[in-house]
Amino acid sequence: MALNQGLVVFRDGLVYSEGDAAIVSHALTTRKAVRSVRLKPGASVNVGPYRFTGMEAPEGYDAAIAIELVKPLAEAASGLATRAGRLTLASLRLPKRWAAWALALLVLVMFFALPAGRIFDLPWRAASQSPGVTGDRFWNPGPMILAHQPIETRCAACHTVAFQHVKDSACLECHTAVGHHVGPELKPVTLFEGARCATCHRDHKGVRATQRDDDGFCVACHRDIGRKIKSTQVENASDFATDHPSFRLSLLEGDSVRKVRQGEDDLTESSNLAFPHATHLDPAGVKSPSRGRVQLDCGACHRPDASRRSFQPISMERDCRECHRLEFEPAVTSREVPHGKPAEAVNVVSDFYASLALNGVKDSFEKAFGVPGEGLLRRVGQPSESQRKVALQLAKRKADRVSEDLFEVRVCSTCHEVGRNEAGWTIAPVRIASRWMPQARFSHRSHAQSKCADCHDVAHSTDSADIAIPEIETCRECHAGSKPVEKKVASSCMLCHGFHDASHPWNPAKPGAVAEKLDAR
């Protein structure tokens, strides 16, 4: 029974109000069931054996009420005792033993025999699957996660053997791309001995994701990871705010990757690209051949991808060509050499000047070669072989000078490391890391409210070797650890880290083991 059967409140006068489930009934004032009664002077309401009546408020008071006992307490108490009497088996004249056996039999039939009809292919299998019968739902411990709800009625999809744990092989039937946590060199079979998929991923516990997201799951090993894995380079961590090492970045070096922790002296990137951010972010702007002075910001080159979590790769055609044009003879033509292919660029230059030496009109010929005349085939008479040879030598000398200027002085060397060997010019391949911490999760979309410069201070960077990844102290300005902190984001391990690594796939034939080859699937 509720402690408060009704309330007397002051709302522009006294009002008696009962709870949502209760109904006030008073024949003297309303003649019908109501939920509240305004106790104006003279108005009254019966509450059990009492009558509440509104009165004129004395001077200095907002309201007054009179309470009168209108029914003997003994009479009210006996009526309450009658209504509160308990219903027992004895009052129904049912023997306890027979009632217990009947109830046990009902439970056995309803909650075991009927659902087991389908599992064991019993005669009433069809009846147990009919819409009017609950069947396996009696055994269902709770709703499945959203991703598994399409197979919610196909229990055998996961529970391949009745009354046994779900096997890893059943999970891997669908989750073929899942990877192990560590590589084979760390012996994961020993490290995770006895663990199953369902050890960490439990279904029937609600519609949210199945993975555990508490720090205790990760910290159990990573608080003292060196004790469990002697050869690991991973440092101990237990809480992002108080016990987490500096970030370790993956830097590309040739065809390999070098991992360097922030705070070390050699934290530089060898991208083979010359790009001073300070020049491009000059507040006075940069000079554009077609638009004059243009003031650039980060978004001029770094464009979000479709997910807005990361960015599209930088493209010469889209992001650079407007200012960095590859013209080689702008006085004569707007033609450009192809980007990224030195041999093809040399061929385009050579073919252009050879064609100009043979077929060029007077104006273009003189502007290109700096001597009076026109293309050989435009002159009067049939040219001799020696004249043709002289014209092509003129074109070759010009093409060689322009190519050298193009690669080593004016165009290519502005951004690239240019080399030269017997075969011609070479351009060092550009190697820019698209993910500095591939083992971590990060979404720029979640940080859209911040300015780029809040995390990436590149306005004064004059060397492309500079790395603009913020240090952990910068992240801690907004992110707390696993415990909530005012005005900070509570950040558990799973906020930034996953468990499975696709580069170390599981072998379905050996649950808990790592596949011997990456293409085992």
Protein backbone atom coordinates (compact mmCIF):
# COMPACT_ATOMS: atom_id res chain seq x y z
CA MET A 1 0.00 0.00 0.00
CA ALA A 2 1.33 3.45 -0.85
CA LEU A 3 2.48 5.60 2.05
CA ASN A 4 0.68 8.65 0.66
CA GLN A 5 -2.95 8.02 -0.32
CA GLY A 6 -3.53 11.67 -1.12
CA LEU A 7 -2.04 15.15 -0.91
CA VAL A 8 -3.41 18.49 0.19
CA VAL A 9 -1.60 21.15 -1.84
CA PHE A 10 -1.99 24.90 -2.25
CA ARG A 11 -2.59 25.93 -5.86
CA ASP A 12 -4.45 29.25 -5.78
CA GLY A 13 -6.33 27.72 -2.89
CA LEU A 14 -6.44 24.31 -1.21
CA VAL A 15 -6.70 21.26 -3.47
CA TYR A 16 -6.97 17.64 -2.36
CA SER A 17 -5.44 15.24 -4.91
CA GLU A 18 -4.96 11.47 -4.89
CA GLY A 19 -2.34 9.43 -6.75
CA ASP A 20 -2.57 8.61 -10.46
CA ALA A 21 -4.08 5.22 -9.79
CA ALA A 22 -6.54 6.47 -7.16
CA ILE A 23 -9.94 8.07 -7.64
CA VAL A 24 -11.52 10.54 -5.27
CA SER A 25 -15.22 9.92 -4.80
CA HIS A 26 -17.35 12.44 -2.96
CA ALA A 27 -21.05 12.64 -3.41
CA LEU A 28 -21.46 15.90 -1.54
CA THR A 29 -19.31 17.96 -3.91
CA THR A 30 -19.07 16.26 -7.29
CA ARG A 31 -21.59 13.40 -7.38
CA LYS A 32 -19.00 11.48 -9.48
CA ALA A 33 -15.50 9.98 -9.36
CA VAL A 34 -12.78 12.64 -9.67
CA ARG A 35 -9.01 12.80 -9.25
CA SER A 36 -8.93 16.06 -7.31
CA VAL A 37 -11.25 18.36 -5.36
CA ARG A 38 -10.73 22.07 -4.79
CA LEU A 39 -11.46 22.67 -1.12
CA LYS A 40 -13.12 26.05 -1.27
CA PRO A 41 -14.75 27.21 1.95
CA GLY A 42 -17.60 24.80 2.62
CA ALA A 43 -16.43 22.12 0.16
CA SER A 44 -15.45 18.78 1.66
CA VAL A 45 -14.07 15.38 0.74
CA ASN A 46 -14.26 12.02 2.56
CA VAL A 47 -10.94 10.23 3.12
CA GLY A 48 -11.46 6.91 4.89
CA PRO A 49 -13.27 7.59 8.19
CA TYR A 50 -12.43 11.32 8.01
CA ARG A 51 -13.96 14.33 6.30
CA PHE A 52 -11.81 17.26 5.13
CA THR A 53 -13.67 20.57 4.83
CA GLY A 54 -12.33 23.87 3.52
CA MET A 55 -12.68 26.93 5.76
CA GLU A 56 -12.19 30.64 5.52
CA ALA A 57 -8.54 31.37 6.21
CA PRO A 58 -7.84 33.33 9.40
CA GLU A 59 -5.93 36.56 9.07
CA GLY A 60 -2.28 35.94 8.30
CA TYR A 61 -2.88 32.45 6.84
CA ASP A 62 -3.27 31.34 3.24
CA ALA A 63 -5.81 28.61 3.88
CA ALA A 64 -7.51 26.55 6.57
CA ILE A 65 -9.01 23.07 6.72
CA ALA A 66 -11.16 21.22 9.25
CA ILE A 67 -10.75 17.45 9.82
CA GLU A 68 -13.70 15.54 11.29
CA LEU A 69 -13.99 11.84 12.23
CA VAL A 70 -17.32 10.81 10.70
CA LYS A 71 -17.05 7.02 11.00
CA PRO A 72 -15.93 4.94 13.98
CA LEU A 73 -12.33 3.73 13.64
CA ALA A 74 -13.30 0.16 14.63
CA GLU A 75 -15.78 -0.05 11.77
CA ALA A 76 -13.19 1.29 9.29
CA ALA A 77 -10.52 -1.11 10.57
CA SER A 78 -12.78 -4.17 10.26
CA GLY A 79 -13.63 -3.28 6.67
CA LEU A 80 -9.96 -2.89 5.84
CA ALA A 81 -9.13 -6.25 7.42
CA THR A 82 -11.87 -7.92 5.35
CA ARG A 83 -10.52 -6.44 2.12
CA ALA A 84 -6.94 -7.33 3.00
CA GLY A 85 -7.63 -11.02 3.67
CA ARG A 86 -5.23 -13.45 1.94
CA LEU A 87 -6.29 -16.00 -0.63
CA THR A 88 -4.79 -19.40 0.31
CA LEU A 89 -5.02 -22.97 -0.96
CA ALA A 90 -6.95 -23.84 2.14
CA SER A 91 -9.52 -21.15 1.39
CA LEU A 92 -9.95 -22.71 -2.06
CA ARG A 93 -10.21 -26.23 -0.51
CA LEU A 94 -7.20 -27.51 -2.54
CA PRO A 95 -4.79 -30.06 -0.97
CA LYS A 96 -1.20 -28.74 -0.97
CA ARG A 97 0.35 -32.00 -2.23
CA TRP A 98 -1.95 -32.36 -5.24
CA ALA A 99 -1.58 -28.67 -6.07
CA ALA A 100 2.21 -28.97 -5.94
CA TRP A 101 2.25 -32.03 -8.23
CA ALA A 102 -0.12 -30.38 -10.68
CA LEU A 103 2.01 -27.24 -10.81
CA ALA A 104 5.23 -29.26 -11.27
CA LEU A 105 3.64 -31.22 -14.11
CA LEU A 106 2.47 -28.01 -15.76
CA VAL A 107 5.97 -26.52 -15.56
CA LEU A 108 7.49 -29.73 -16.96
CA VAL A 109 5.14 -29.78 -19.94
CA MET A 110 5.12 -26.07 -20.71
CA PHE A 111 8.77 -25.24 -20.11
CA PHE A 112 10.57 -28.46 -21.06
CA ALA A 113 8.56 -31.02 -23.02
CA LEU A 114 6.96 -28.51 -25.38
CA PRO A 115 10.16 -26.58 -26.30
CA ALA A 116 12.17 -29.83 -26.45
CA GLY A 117 9.85 -31.11 -29.16
CA ARG A 118 11.79 -29.32 -31.87
CA ILE A 119 15.25 -29.97 -30.47
CA PHE A 120 14.74 -33.71 -30.15
CA ASP A 121 12.39 -34.06 -33.14
CA LEU A 122 9.51 -35.34 -30.97
CA PRO A 123 5.99 -36.00 -32.36
CA TRP A 124 4.71 -32.57 -31.34
CA ARG A 125 7.55 -30.73 -33.14
CA ALA A 126 5.17 -29.02 -35.58
CA ALA A 127 2.91 -27.91 -32.76
CA SER A 128 5.86 -26.42 -30.82
CA GLN A 129 6.73 -24.25 -33.84
CA SER A 130 3.23 -22.93 -34.46
CA PRO A 131 2.66 -19.18 -33.94
CA GLY A 132 0.30 -19.77 -31.03
CA VAL A 133 2.88 -21.71 -29.03
CA THR A 134 5.88 -20.01 -27.45
CA GLY A 135 8.26 -22.95 -27.98
CA ASP A 136 11.93 -22.02 -27.53
CA ARG A 137 11.04 -18.61 -26.17
CA PHE A 138 10.68 -20.22 -22.76
CA TRP A 139 14.40 -20.92 -22.84
CA ASN A 140 15.45 -17.55 -24.25
CA PRO A 141 17.35 -15.67 -21.50
CA GLY A 142 16.80 -12.26 -23.11
CA PRO A 143 16.68 -10.22 -26.34
CA MET A 144 19.46 -10.59 -28.90
CA ILE A 145 21.66 -7.78 -30.18
CA LEU A 146 20.38 -5.89 -33.20
CA ALA A 147 22.89 -7.49 -35.58
CA HIS A 148 21.69 -11.00 -34.64
CA GLN A 149 17.96 -10.34 -34.65
CA PRO A 150 17.52 -11.56 -38.28
CA ILE A 151 18.44 -15.06 -37.02
CA GLU A 152 16.68 -14.75 -33.66
CA THR A 153 14.29 -17.62 -34.40
CA ARG A 154 17.00 -19.87 -35.86
CA CYS A 155 18.57 -21.01 -32.62
CA ALA A 156 20.51 -23.79 -34.33
CA ALA A 157 22.50 -21.23 -36.33
CA CYS A 158 24.62 -20.66 -33.20
CA HIS A 159 23.56 -23.43 -30.84
CA THR A 160 24.68 -26.29 -33.07
CA VAL A 161 24.62 -28.86 -30.25
CA ALA A 162 21.78 -28.85 -27.73
CA PHE A 163 22.67 -28.09 -24.11
CA GLN A 164 26.29 -27.19 -24.97
CA HIS A 165 28.12 -23.86 -25.14
CA VAL A 166 28.16 -22.06 -28.48
CA LYS A 167 31.32 -23.18 -30.26
CA ASP A 168 33.86 -20.81 -31.84
CA SER A 169 33.38 -22.53 -35.19
CA ALA A 170 29.73 -21.41 -35.20
CA CYS A 171 30.78 -17.78 -34.72
CA LEU A 172 33.40 -18.02 -37.46
CA GLU A 173 30.81 -19.23 -39.97
CA CYS A 174 29.72 -15.58 -40.30
CA HIS A 175 32.56 -13.62 -38.75
CA THR A 176 35.20 -14.80 -41.21
CA ALA A 177 37.26 -11.60 -41.20
CA VAL A 178 37.79 -11.45 -37.44
CA GLY A 179 41.41 -11.50 -36.37
CA HIS A 180 43.28 -12.58 -33.26
CA HIS A 181 44.56 -10.06 -30.73
CA VAL A 182 48.25 -10.84 -31.22
CA GLY A 183 50.46 -12.45 -33.84
CA PRO A 184 51.59 -16.09 -33.85
CA GLU A 185 55.02 -15.17 -32.51
CA LEU A 186 53.42 -14.34 -29.14
CA LYS A 187 51.76 -17.76 -28.83
CA PRO A 188 48.12 -16.68 -28.43
CA VAL A 189 46.97 -20.26 -27.80
CA THR A 190 48.83 -20.19 -24.49
CA LEU A 191 48.05 -16.58 -23.74
CA PHE A 192 44.28 -17.03 -24.14
CA GLU A 193 44.03 -20.66 -23.08
CA GLY A 194 40.47 -21.65 -22.21
CA ALA A 195 38.90 -18.52 -23.72
CA ARG A 196 36.05 -18.77 -26.22
CA CYS A 197 34.36 -16.13 -28.37
CA ALA A 198 31.49 -16.13 -25.89
CA THR A 199 33.89 -15.47 -23.02
CA CYS A 200 33.91 -11.84 -24.05
CA HIS A 201 30.95 -11.64 -26.46
CA ARG A 202 27.72 -12.53 -24.69
CA ASP A 203 24.37 -12.38 -26.47
CA HIS A 204 20.80 -12.44 -25.12
CA LYS A 205 21.76 -9.59 -22.77
CA GLY A 206 20.04 -6.75 -24.62
CA VAL A 207 20.14 -5.09 -28.01
CA ARG A 208 23.43 -3.21 -27.50
CA ALA A 209 26.76 -4.54 -28.75
CA THR A 210 28.07 -7.75 -27.20
CA GLN A 211 31.66 -6.77 -26.50
CA ARG A 212 32.81 -5.84 -23.04
CA ASP A 213 33.84 -2.22 -22.75
CA ASP A 214 35.06 -2.00 -19.17
CA ASP A 215 38.72 -1.25 -18.54
CA GLY A 216 39.07 -4.21 -16.20
CA PHE A 217 38.92 -6.52 -19.21
CA CYS A 218 42.00 -4.88 -20.79
CA VAL A 219 43.86 -3.87 -17.64
CA ALA A 220 43.91 -7.46 -16.37
CA CYS A 221 46.75 -8.07 -18.84
CA HIS A 222 48.04 -4.62 -19.76
CA ARG A 223 48.69 -3.41 -16.21
CA ASP A 224 51.78 -5.64 -16.26
CA ILE A 225 51.96 -6.82 -19.86
CA GLY A 226 55.70 -7.54 -19.69
CA ARG A 227 55.10 -10.29 -17.16
CA LYS A 228 52.75 -12.12 -19.51
CA ILE A 229 54.70 -11.51 -22.74
CA LYS A 230 58.42 -11.17 -22.18
CA SER A 231 59.23 -10.05 -25.74
CA THR A 232 56.60 -7.34 -26.06
CA GLN A 233 57.46 -3.72 -26.88
CA VAL A 234 54.09 -2.59 -25.52
CA GLU A 235 54.37 -0.58 -22.31
CA ASN A 236 52.12 -1.01 -19.29
CA ALA A 237 48.82 0.90 -19.17
CA SER A 238 45.90 0.90 -16.78
CA ASP A 239 44.13 4.25 -17.21
CA PHE A 240 44.32 6.88 -19.95
CA ALA A 241 44.39 9.81 -17.54
CA THR A 242 46.97 8.51 -15.06
CA ASP A 243 48.83 5.50 -16.42
CA HIS A 244 49.25 5.44 -20.19
CA PRO A 245 52.51 5.66 -22.18
CA SER A 246 53.20 8.29 -24.82
CA PHE A 247 51.78 7.54 -28.25
CA ARG A 248 53.84 5.32 -30.53
CA LEU A 249 53.72 6.35 -34.19
CA SER A 250 54.24 4.15 -37.25
CA LEU A 251 56.61 5.88 -39.70
CA LEU A 252 57.15 4.69 -43.25
CA GLU A 253 60.76 4.05 -44.24
CA GLY A 254 61.14 2.58 -47.70
CA ASP A 255 59.13 -0.62 -47.77
CA SER A 256 59.17 -1.04 -44.00
CA VAL A 257 57.57 0.63 -40.99
CA ARG A 258 59.49 2.10 -38.07
CA LYS A 259 57.65 2.54 -34.78
CA VAL A 260 58.78 5.50 -32.70
CA ARG A 261 57.34 6.69 -29.40
CA GLN A 262 56.69 10.40 -29.01
CA GLY A 263 59.38 12.11 -26.99
CA GLU A 264 62.26 10.39 -28.78
CA ASP A 265 64.78 12.47 -30.77
CA ASP A 266 64.34 10.84 -34.20
CA LEU A 267 60.59 11.50 -34.52
CA THR A 268 60.69 12.72 -38.12
CA GLU A 269 59.00 11.57 -41.29
CA SER A 270 60.93 10.68 -44.45
CA SER A 271 58.18 11.36 -46.97
CA ASN A 272 60.44 12.38 -49.91
CA LEU A 273 58.17 15.39 -50.25
CA ALA A 274 59.02 19.05 -49.72
CA PHE A 275 56.00 20.78 -48.26
CA PRO A 276 56.27 23.76 -45.89
CA HIS A 277 52.93 24.25 -44.15
CA ALA A 278 54.02 27.73 -43.08
CA THR A 279 54.24 28.88 -46.70
CA HIS A 280 50.82 27.55 -47.65
CA LEU A 281 49.14 28.89 -44.49
CA ASP A 282 50.67 32.36 -44.78
CA PRO A 283 48.03 34.87 -43.60
CA ALA A 284 48.94 37.04 -46.60
CA GLY A 285 47.94 34.19 -48.92
CA VAL A 286 49.75 32.35 -51.70
CA LYS A 287 50.02 33.39 -55.33
CA SER A 288 47.67 31.57 -57.69
CA PRO A 289 48.30 31.82 -61.45
CA SER A 290 44.59 32.33 -62.11
CA ARG A 291 43.17 33.95 -58.96
CA GLY A 292 45.91 36.20 -57.62
CA ARG A 293 46.53 36.01 -53.87
CA VAL A 294 44.55 33.18 -52.24
CA GLN A 295 44.38 32.59 -48.50
CA LEU A 296 44.40 28.85 -47.78
CA ASP A 297 43.27 26.93 -44.74
CA CYS A 298 43.52 23.25 -43.78
CA GLY A 299 40.31 22.39 -45.65
CA ALA A 300 41.78 23.58 -48.94
CA CYS A 301 43.74 20.32 -49.19
CA HIS A 302 42.47 18.04 -46.41
CA ARG A 303 38.99 17.00 -47.49
CA PRO A 304 36.89 14.63 -45.34
CA ASP A 305 36.02 11.25 -46.83
CA ALA A 306 32.46 9.92 -47.03
CA SER A 307 32.48 8.76 -43.39
CA ARG A 308 33.98 12.07 -42.21
CA ARG A 309 36.13 10.05 -39.82
CA SER A 310 39.24 10.48 -41.94
CA PHE A 311 40.40 12.33 -45.06
CA GLN A 312 40.75 11.63 -48.74
CA PRO A 313 44.33 11.13 -49.99
CA ILE A 314 45.98 14.32 -51.25
CA SER A 315 45.66 14.50 -55.02
CA MET A 316 47.95 16.48 -57.31
CA GLU A 317 45.16 16.96 -59.83
CA ARG A 318 42.58 18.16 -57.29
CA ASP A 319 44.63 19.88 -54.60
CA CYS A 320 47.89 21.11 -56.14
CA ARG A 321 47.65 21.63 -59.90
CA GLU A 322 45.86 24.99 -59.75
CA CYS A 323 49.02 26.58 -58.35
CA HIS A 324 51.70 24.05 -59.28
CA ARG A 325 51.18 23.79 -63.01
CA LEU A 326 53.43 21.54 -65.06
CA GLU A 327 53.78 23.84 -68.05
CA PHE A 328 57.16 23.71 -69.80
CA GLU A 329 56.80 26.40 -72.54
CA PRO A 330 54.09 28.78 -71.33
CA ALA A 331 54.98 31.44 -73.93
CA VAL A 332 53.89 29.07 -76.69
CA THR A 333 51.44 26.54 -75.22
CA SER A 334 49.46 25.75 -72.09
CA ARG A 335 50.31 22.08 -72.51
CA GLU A 336 51.63 20.31 -69.36
CA VAL A 337 53.72 17.22 -68.80
CA PRO A 338 52.09 14.23 -67.06
CA HIS A 339 52.58 14.10 -63.29
CA GLY A 340 54.49 11.25 -61.65
CA LYS A 341 56.01 9.73 -64.81
CA PRO A 342 59.50 11.16 -65.58
CA ALA A 343 60.07 9.18 -68.79
CA GLU A 344 56.71 10.22 -70.22
CA ALA A 345 57.37 13.84 -69.26
CA VAL A 346 60.68 13.81 -71.16
CA ASN A 347 58.96 12.26 -74.22
CA VAL A 348 56.25 14.95 -74.20
CA VAL A 349 58.89 17.71 -74.11
CA SER A 350 61.04 16.09 -76.84
CA ASP A 351 58.06 15.46 -79.13
CA PHE A 352 56.82 19.03 -78.69
CA TYR A 353 60.09 20.70 -79.71
CA ALA A 354 60.72 18.22 -82.55
CA SER A 355 57.27 19.00 -83.95
CA LEU A 356 57.88 22.73 -83.51
CA ALA A 357 61.27 22.51 -85.30
CA LEU A 358 59.63 20.81 -88.28
CA ASN A 359 56.16 22.39 -88.42
CA GLY A 360 56.14 25.43 -86.12
CA VAL A 361 54.85 28.74 -87.41
CA LYS A 362 57.12 31.76 -87.30
CA ASP A 363 55.75 33.21 -84.03
CA SER A 364 55.87 30.03 -81.95
CA PHE A 365 59.21 28.95 -83.49
CA GLU A 366 60.94 32.19 -82.60
CA LYS A 367 59.46 32.30 -79.07
CA ALA A 368 60.50 28.73 -78.34
CA PHE A 369 63.99 28.66 -79.90
CA GLY A 370 64.94 32.35 -79.60
CA VAL A 371 66.14 32.58 -83.20
CA PRO A 372 64.38 33.91 -86.32
CA GLY A 373 62.75 31.41 -88.63
CA GLU A 374 59.97 28.86 -88.82
CA GLY A 375 59.48 25.11 -88.99
CA LEU A 376 61.66 23.31 -91.56
CA LEU A 377 58.73 21.84 -93.47
CA ARG A 378 57.16 25.30 -93.82
CA ARG A 379 60.14 26.66 -95.75
CA VAL A 380 60.24 26.81 -99.54
CA GLY A 381 61.54 23.72 -101.26
CA GLN A 382 62.13 20.13 -100.14
CA PRO A 383 64.49 19.97 -97.14
CA SER A 384 67.56 17.82 -97.37
CA GLU A 385 68.48 15.12 -94.86
CA SER A 386 71.21 17.30 -93.40
CA GLN A 387 68.74 20.16 -92.88
CA ARG A 388 66.35 17.78 -91.15
CA LYS A 389 69.16 16.57 -88.93
CA VAL A 390 70.13 20.14 -87.98
CA ALA A 391 66.50 21.01 -87.14
CA LEU A 392 66.09 17.96 -84.92
CA GLN A 393 69.40 18.68 -83.15
CA LEU A 394 68.10 22.18 -82.42
CA ALA A 395 64.93 20.60 -80.96
CA LYS A 396 66.92 18.12 -78.86
CA ARG A 397 69.17 20.79 -77.35
CA LYS A 398 66.14 22.83 -76.44
CA ALA A 399 64.28 19.80 -75.05
CA ASP A 400 67.29 18.83 -72.91
CA ARG A 401 67.59 22.33 -71.44
CA VAL A 402 63.86 22.54 -70.73
CA SER A 403 63.76 19.06 -69.19
CA GLU A 404 66.67 19.88 -66.91
CA ASP A 405 64.98 23.12 -65.88
CA LEU A 406 61.69 21.31 -65.43
CA PHE A 407 63.07 18.56 -63.17
CA GLU A 408 65.93 20.21 -61.31
CA VAL A 409 65.13 23.92 -61.07
CA ARG A 410 61.62 25.19 -61.61
CA VAL A 411 58.88 22.54 -61.27
CA CYS A 412 59.52 19.02 -59.97
CA SER A 413 62.23 19.88 -57.43
CA THR A 414 59.88 22.37 -55.78
CA CYS A 415 58.02 19.48 -54.13
CA HIS A 416 59.97 16.29 -54.87
CA GLU A 417 63.38 14.76 -54.34
CA VAL A 418 64.79 14.48 -57.86
CA GLY A 419 67.61 12.15 -58.87
CA ARG A 420 69.35 11.37 -62.16
CA ASN A 421 71.03 8.28 -63.54
CA GLU A 422 72.00 6.89 -66.92
CA ALA A 423 68.37 6.16 -67.76
CA GLY A 424 67.22 9.70 -66.96
CA TRP A 425 65.58 11.56 -64.11
CA THR A 426 63.96 9.81 -61.16
CA ILE A 427 61.42 11.03 -58.60
CA ALA A 428 61.63 9.56 -55.10
CA PRO A 429 58.28 7.93 -54.26
CA VAL A 430 56.15 9.94 -51.86
CA ARG A 431 55.46 8.05 -48.65
CA ILE A 432 52.98 9.82 -46.40
CA ALA A 433 51.41 7.93 -43.53
CA SER A 434 47.63 7.92 -43.76
CA ARG A 435 47.35 6.46 -40.24
CA TRP A 436 50.01 7.28 -37.70
CA MET A 437 48.61 4.89 -35.10
CA PRO A 438 47.01 2.00 -37.03
CA GLN A 439 46.20 0.09 -33.83
CA ALA A 440 44.09 2.95 -32.49
CA ARG A 441 40.63 4.19 -33.42
CA PHE A 442 40.15 7.89 -34.07
CA SER A 443 37.32 9.79 -35.73
CA HIS A 444 37.74 13.38 -36.91
CA ARG A 445 33.96 13.50 -37.16
CA SER A 446 33.70 13.22 -33.36
CA HIS A 447 36.10 16.17 -33.04
CA ALA A 448 34.42 18.42 -35.59
CA GLN A 449 33.70 21.04 -32.93
CA SER A 450 37.46 21.63 -32.50
CA LYS A 451 39.67 23.67 -34.78
CA CYS A 452 42.40 21.85 -36.70
CA ALA A 453 45.07 23.97 -35.01
CA ASP A 454 43.88 22.85 -31.56
CA CYS A 455 45.58 19.51 -32.21
CA HIS A 456 47.76 20.07 -35.30
CA ASP A 457 50.02 23.10 -34.84
CA VAL A 458 51.58 23.41 -38.31
CA ALA A 459 51.26 27.14 -38.99
CA HIS A 460 55.01 27.63 -38.40
CA SER A 461 56.26 24.33 -39.81
CA THR A 462 58.79 24.80 -42.63
CA ASP A 463 59.86 21.17 -43.05
CA SER A 464 57.76 18.26 -44.31
CA ALA A 465 59.69 16.02 -41.89
CA ASP A 466 57.79 17.64 -39.02
CA ILE A 467 55.13 15.39 -37.49
CA ALA A 468 51.97 17.19 -36.40
CA ILE A 469 50.35 14.46 -34.32
CA PRO A 470 49.37 15.82 -30.88
CA GLU A 471 50.99 14.35 -27.81
CA ILE A 472 49.01 12.57 -25.13
CA GLU A 473 48.92 15.67 -22.91
CA THR A 474 46.90 17.48 -25.58
CA CYS A 475 44.33 14.68 -25.65
CA ARG A 476 44.11 14.68 -21.86
CA GLU A 477 42.88 18.28 -21.94
CA CYS A 478 39.50 16.92 -23.08
CA HIS A 479 39.68 13.20 -22.28
CA ALA A 480 39.64 11.74 -18.78
CA GLY A 481 40.30 8.13 -17.94
CA SER A 482 37.71 5.49 -17.15
CA LYS A 483 36.36 7.49 -14.20
CA PRO A 484 34.06 10.44 -14.99
CA VAL A 485 35.58 13.90 -14.57
CA GLU A 486 33.63 17.15 -14.85
CA LYS A 487 33.87 18.78 -18.30
CA LYS A 488 35.87 15.88 -19.74
CA VAL A 489 35.01 12.83 -21.83
CA ALA A 490 35.25 9.58 -19.87
CA SER A 491 37.57 7.44 -22.00
CA SER A 492 37.86 3.71 -21.51
CA CYS A 493 40.39 1.55 -23.36
CA MET A 494 37.78 0.45 -25.89
CA LEU A 495 37.06 4.04 -26.91
CA CYS A 496 40.32 4.11 -28.89
CA HIS A 497 41.42 0.48 -29.10
CA GLY A 498 39.91 -2.67 -30.55
CA PHE A 499 40.80 -6.20 -29.65
CA HIS A 500 40.89 -8.13 -32.92
CA ASP A 501 43.55 -7.51 -35.56
CA ALA A 502 42.63 -8.58 -39.10
CA SER A 503 46.30 -9.16 -39.96
CA HIS A 504 46.31 -12.13 -37.56
CA PRO A 505 43.27 -14.20 -38.63
CA TRP A 506 41.93 -17.13 -36.68
CA ASN A 507 42.11 -20.64 -38.01
CA PRO A 508 38.60 -22.20 -37.83
CA ALA A 509 40.16 -25.66 -37.62
CA LYS A 510 41.96 -24.65 -34.42
CA PRO A 511 39.66 -22.50 -32.27
CA GLY A 512 41.72 -20.01 -30.31
CA ALA A 513 44.74 -20.39 -32.60
CA VAL A 514 46.15 -18.04 -35.21
CA ALA A 515 46.22 -19.11 -38.84
CA GLU A 516 49.68 -20.03 -40.08
CA LYS A 517 49.26 -17.93 -43.23
CA LEU A 518 47.48 -14.65 -43.77
CA ASP A 519 45.56 -16.18 -46.65
CA ALA A 520 44.34 -19.11 -44.56
CA ARG A 521 40.83 -17.88 -45.22
